[in-house]
Structure formats: structure tokens, C-alpha cells
């Protein structure tokens, strides 16, 4: 499994609606509310052969209330073995 994060900017007043829609879709591992330029930080896991761009385009960006996304692809975890 490949982990990656997506920062989501929601339309005004839509943060909770978007977070609930992500939770109901059961596609996110973790969903956090954040302060700053983005409203949510979401952690996803996909199979190694899944195209992350297509996943974001087809599963995440189609959720009503999302204004913008920033995908963060990770490549090494530190600390835990």
C-alpha cells in the first residue's frame, strides 16, 4: 500500500460536509481539520499499482464542496520499524 496526503480547501461553510462525505465514502484512512490555507488534511492508502492522480480526480475532487486540493506524495517513513 502507498500512503499519501491531500490538503483540501473547501468552499466556505462546507468543511464538515466534505469531511463527512469523505468518511462515508470510506476511502480515507484519517481526516483532520486544519487551520491555514487548507481546511482538511486527509491521509489515503492505495494499492501500489493505483494511479494516485486518477484516484484524486475520480474519488476525491468529485465530492461537492471541494474548492482545491494539494496532493503530498510521501516516500519514506521515519521512526517506526
C-alpha atoms as a PDB file:
ATOM      1  CA  UNK A   1       0.000   0.000   0.000  1.00  0.00           C
ATOM      2  CA  UNK A   2       1.159   3.513  -0.833  1.00  0.00           C
ATOM      3  CA  UNK A   3       0.345   6.309   1.630  1.00  0.00           C
ATOM      4  CA  UNK A   4      -0.193   9.901   0.561  1.00  0.00           C
ATOM      5  CA  UNK A   5      -1.817  13.028   1.935  1.00  0.00           C
ATOM      6  CA  UNK A   6      -4.188  15.542   0.402  1.00  0.00           C
ATOM      7  CA  UNK A   7      -4.787  19.028   1.723  1.00  0.00           C
ATOM      8  CA  UNK A   8      -8.298  20.144   0.835  1.00  0.00           C
ATOM      9  CA  UNK A   9      -9.598  23.705   0.590  1.00  0.00           C
ATOM     10  CA  UNK A  10     -13.365  23.692   0.962  1.00  0.00           C
ATOM     11  CA  UNK A  11     -15.920  26.191  -0.225  1.00  0.00           C
ATOM     12  CA  UNK A  12     -16.995  28.487   2.596  1.00  0.00           C
ATOM     13  CA  UNK A  13     -19.112  26.670   5.156  1.00  0.00           C
ATOM     14  CA  UNK A  14     -18.511  23.225   3.618  1.00  0.00           C
ATOM     15  CA  UNK A  15     -15.675  21.770   5.722  1.00  0.00           C
ATOM     16  CA  UNK A  16     -17.839  19.494   7.835  1.00  0.00           C
ATOM     17  CA  UNK A  17     -19.899  18.410   4.842  1.00  0.00           C
ATOM     18  CA  UNK A  18     -16.767  17.465   2.897  1.00  0.00           C
ATOM     19  CA  UNK A  19     -15.218  15.671   5.887  1.00  0.00           C
ATOM     20  CA  UNK A  20     -18.421  13.675   6.430  1.00  0.00           C
ATOM     21  CA  UNK A  21     -18.619  12.780   2.731  1.00  0.00           C
ATOM     22  CA  UNK A  22     -15.021  11.507   2.796  1.00  0.00           C
ATOM     23  CA  UNK A  23     -15.756   9.442   5.907  1.00  0.00           C
ATOM     24  CA  UNK A  24     -18.943   7.994   4.406  1.00  0.00           C
ATOM     25  CA  UNK A  25     -17.122   7.089   1.175  1.00  0.00           C
ATOM     26  CA  UNK A  26     -14.667   5.010   3.271  1.00  0.00           C
ATOM     27  CA  UNK A  27     -11.724   5.998   1.060  1.00  0.00           C
ATOM     28  CA  UNK A  28      -9.671   7.913   3.650  1.00  0.00           C
ATOM     29  CA  UNK A  29      -7.541   6.468   6.411  1.00  0.00           C
ATOM     30  CA  UNK A  30      -7.531   9.636   8.542  1.00  0.00           C
ATOM     31  CA  UNK A  31      -9.249  13.035   8.254  1.00  0.00           C
ATOM     32  CA  UNK A  32      -8.068  16.106  10.155  1.00  0.00           C
ATOM     33  CA  UNK A  33      -9.385  19.647  10.343  1.00  0.00           C
ATOM     34  CA  UNK A  34      -6.584  22.203   9.905  1.00  0.00           C
ATOM     35  CA  UNK A  35      -6.041  25.949  10.140  1.00  0.00           C
ATOM     36  CA  UNK A  36      -4.380  27.968   7.411  1.00  0.00           C
ATOM     37  CA  UNK A  37      -4.679  27.883   3.640  1.00  0.00           C
ATOM     38  CA  UNK A  38      -6.416  24.485   3.613  1.00  0.00           C
ATOM     39  CA  UNK A  39      -9.301  23.224   5.727  1.00  0.00           C
ATOM     40  CA  UNK A  40      -8.659  19.475   5.825  1.00  0.00           C
ATOM     41  CA  UNK A  41      -5.656  17.148   5.806  1.00  0.00           C
ATOM     42  CA  UNK A  42      -6.573  13.658   4.653  1.00  0.00           C
ATOM     43  CA  UNK A  43      -4.424  10.520   4.605  1.00  0.00           C
ATOM     44  CA  UNK A  44      -5.095   7.882   1.979  1.00  0.00           C
ATOM     45  CA  UNK A  45      -3.660   4.455   1.180  1.00  0.00           C
ATOM     46  CA  UNK A  46      -3.905   2.942  -2.295  1.00  0.00           C
ATOM     47  CA  UNK A  47      -2.572  -0.237  -3.863  1.00  0.00           C
ATOM     48  CA  UNK A  48       0.901   0.001  -5.384  1.00  0.00           C
ATOM     49  CA  UNK A  49      -0.489  -0.152  -8.920  1.00  0.00           C
ATOM     50  CA  UNK A  50      -3.141   2.563  -8.380  1.00  0.00           C
ATOM     51  CA  UNK A  51      -2.586   5.840 -10.232  1.00  0.00           C
ATOM     52  CA  UNK A  52      -2.794   8.489  -7.498  1.00  0.00           C
ATOM     53  CA  UNK A  53      -3.746  11.228  -9.971  1.00  0.00           C
ATOM     54  CA  UNK A  54      -6.712   9.246 -11.243  1.00  0.00           C
ATOM     55  CA  UNK A  55      -7.706   8.346  -7.670  1.00  0.00           C
ATOM     56  CA  UNK A  56      -7.751  12.015  -6.619  1.00  0.00           C
ATOM     57  CA  UNK A  57      -9.558  13.073  -9.784  1.00  0.00           C
ATOM     58  CA  UNK A  58     -12.215  10.353  -9.688  1.00  0.00           C
ATOM     59  CA  UNK A  59     -12.755   9.772  -5.942  1.00  0.00           C
ATOM     60  CA  UNK A  60     -11.833  12.973  -4.110  1.00  0.00           C
ATOM     61  CA  UNK A  61     -12.265  16.042  -6.317  1.00  0.00           C
ATOM     62  CA  UNK A  62     -15.796  14.978  -7.278  1.00  0.00           C
ATOM     63  CA  UNK A  63     -17.035  15.469  -3.709  1.00  0.00           C
ATOM     64  CA  UNK A  64     -19.294  18.538  -3.576  1.00  0.00           C
ATOM     65  CA  UNK A  65     -17.873  21.424  -1.560  1.00  0.00           C
ATOM     66  CA  UNK A  66     -14.224  20.930  -2.501  1.00  0.00           C
ATOM     67  CA  UNK A  67     -12.642  24.028  -3.992  1.00  0.00           C
ATOM     68  CA  UNK A  68      -8.972  22.974  -4.322  1.00  0.00           C
ATOM     69  CA  UNK A  69      -6.594  20.145  -3.421  1.00  0.00           C
ATOM     70  CA  UNK A  70      -2.867  19.777  -2.839  1.00  0.00           C
ATOM     71  CA  UNK A  71      -1.518  16.235  -3.030  1.00  0.00           C
ATOM     72  CA  UNK A  72       1.556  15.305  -0.990  1.00  0.00           C
ATOM     73  CA  UNK A  73       3.199  12.058  -2.056  1.00  0.00           C
ATOM     74  CA  UNK A  74       5.403  10.508   0.613  1.00  0.00           C
ATOM     75  CA  UNK A  75       8.336   8.211   0.049  1.00  0.00           C
ATOM     76  CA  UNK A  76       9.897   7.271   3.391  1.00  0.00           C
ATOM     77  CA  UNK A  77       8.617   6.939   6.935  1.00  0.00           C
ATOM     78  CA  UNK A  78      10.967   7.605   9.848  1.00  0.00           C
ATOM     79  CA  UNK A  79      10.846   6.314  13.391  1.00  0.00           C
ATOM     80  CA  UNK A  80       8.768   3.123  13.374  1.00  0.00           C
ATOM     81  CA  UNK A  81      10.300  -0.119  12.158  1.00  0.00           C
END
